[in-house]
Amino acid sequence: MYEEVGFIAYYFHWSHDEIMSMEHRERRTWCEEISRINRNLNEEDKKQPDNPFDVFR
């Protein structure tokens, strides 16, 4: 449960009380949605052409 709460709070900045008032299934659903959003963002980043001057990639 701590992992779910921390994960949601980190990404959505919801309060502890808001997150704890959810049922476990709802928290899991939000964790899955956050993960989906991150996967989509990571895929978008991979579509960018490599920049030889970008030393951080």
Protein backbone atom coordinates (compact mmCIF):
# COMPACT_ATOMS: atom_id res chain seq x y z
CA MET A 1 0.00 0.00 0.00
CA TYR A 2 2.85 2.41 0.77
CA GLU A 3 4.24 1.91 -2.70
CA GLU A 4 0.88 2.73 -4.32
CA VAL A 5 0.37 5.82 -2.15
CA GLY A 6 3.89 7.08 -2.80
CA PHE A 7 3.59 6.44 -6.52
CA ILE A 8 0.30 8.35 -6.88
CA ALA A 9 1.40 11.18 -4.58
CA TYR A 10 4.67 11.61 -6.49
CA TYR A 11 3.07 11.86 -9.91
CA PHE A 12 -0.29 13.51 -9.18
CA HIS A 13 0.58 15.45 -5.99
CA TRP A 14 -2.63 14.33 -4.33
CA SER A 15 -2.80 14.50 -0.55
CA HIS A 16 -2.34 11.49 1.69
CA ASP A 17 -5.97 11.73 2.82
CA GLU A 18 -7.27 11.81 -0.76
CA ILE A 19 -5.27 8.74 -1.72
CA MET A 20 -6.06 6.81 1.46
CA SER A 21 -9.79 7.42 1.04
CA MET A 22 -9.71 5.34 -2.17
CA GLU A 23 -10.36 1.63 -2.29
CA HIS A 24 -7.36 -0.54 -3.13
CA ARG A 25 -8.75 -1.28 -6.60
CA GLU A 26 -9.06 2.44 -7.39
CA ARG A 27 -5.48 3.11 -6.27
CA ARG A 28 -4.25 0.24 -8.47
CA THR A 29 -6.21 1.68 -11.40
CA TRP A 30 -4.52 5.06 -10.92
CA CYS A 31 -1.10 3.38 -10.67
CA GLU A 32 -1.78 1.58 -13.95
CA GLU A 33 -2.89 4.83 -15.59
CA ILE A 34 0.24 6.68 -14.43
CA SER A 35 2.37 3.83 -15.78
CA ARG A 36 0.54 3.98 -19.12
CA ILE A 37 1.12 7.74 -19.33
CA ASN A 38 4.83 7.25 -18.61
CA ARG A 39 5.14 4.49 -21.23
CA ASN A 40 3.50 6.74 -23.84
CA LEU A 41 5.78 9.64 -22.96
CA ASN A 42 8.84 7.40 -23.16
CA GLU A 43 7.75 6.12 -26.57
CA GLU A 44 7.34 9.70 -27.79
CA ASP A 45 10.88 10.49 -26.61
CA LYS A 46 12.23 7.53 -28.58
CA LYS A 47 10.63 8.87 -31.78
CA GLN A 48 12.78 11.98 -31.58
CA PRO A 49 15.81 11.78 -33.89
CA ASP A 50 19.12 11.50 -32.10
CA ASN A 51 20.87 14.83 -31.77
CA PRO A 52 24.68 14.43 -31.80
CA PHE A 53 24.97 17.64 -29.79
CA ASP A 54 22.70 16.41 -27.00
CA VAL A 55 25.20 15.07 -24.45
CA PHE A 56 22.47 14.04 -22.00
CA ARG A 57 20.99 11.23 -24.13
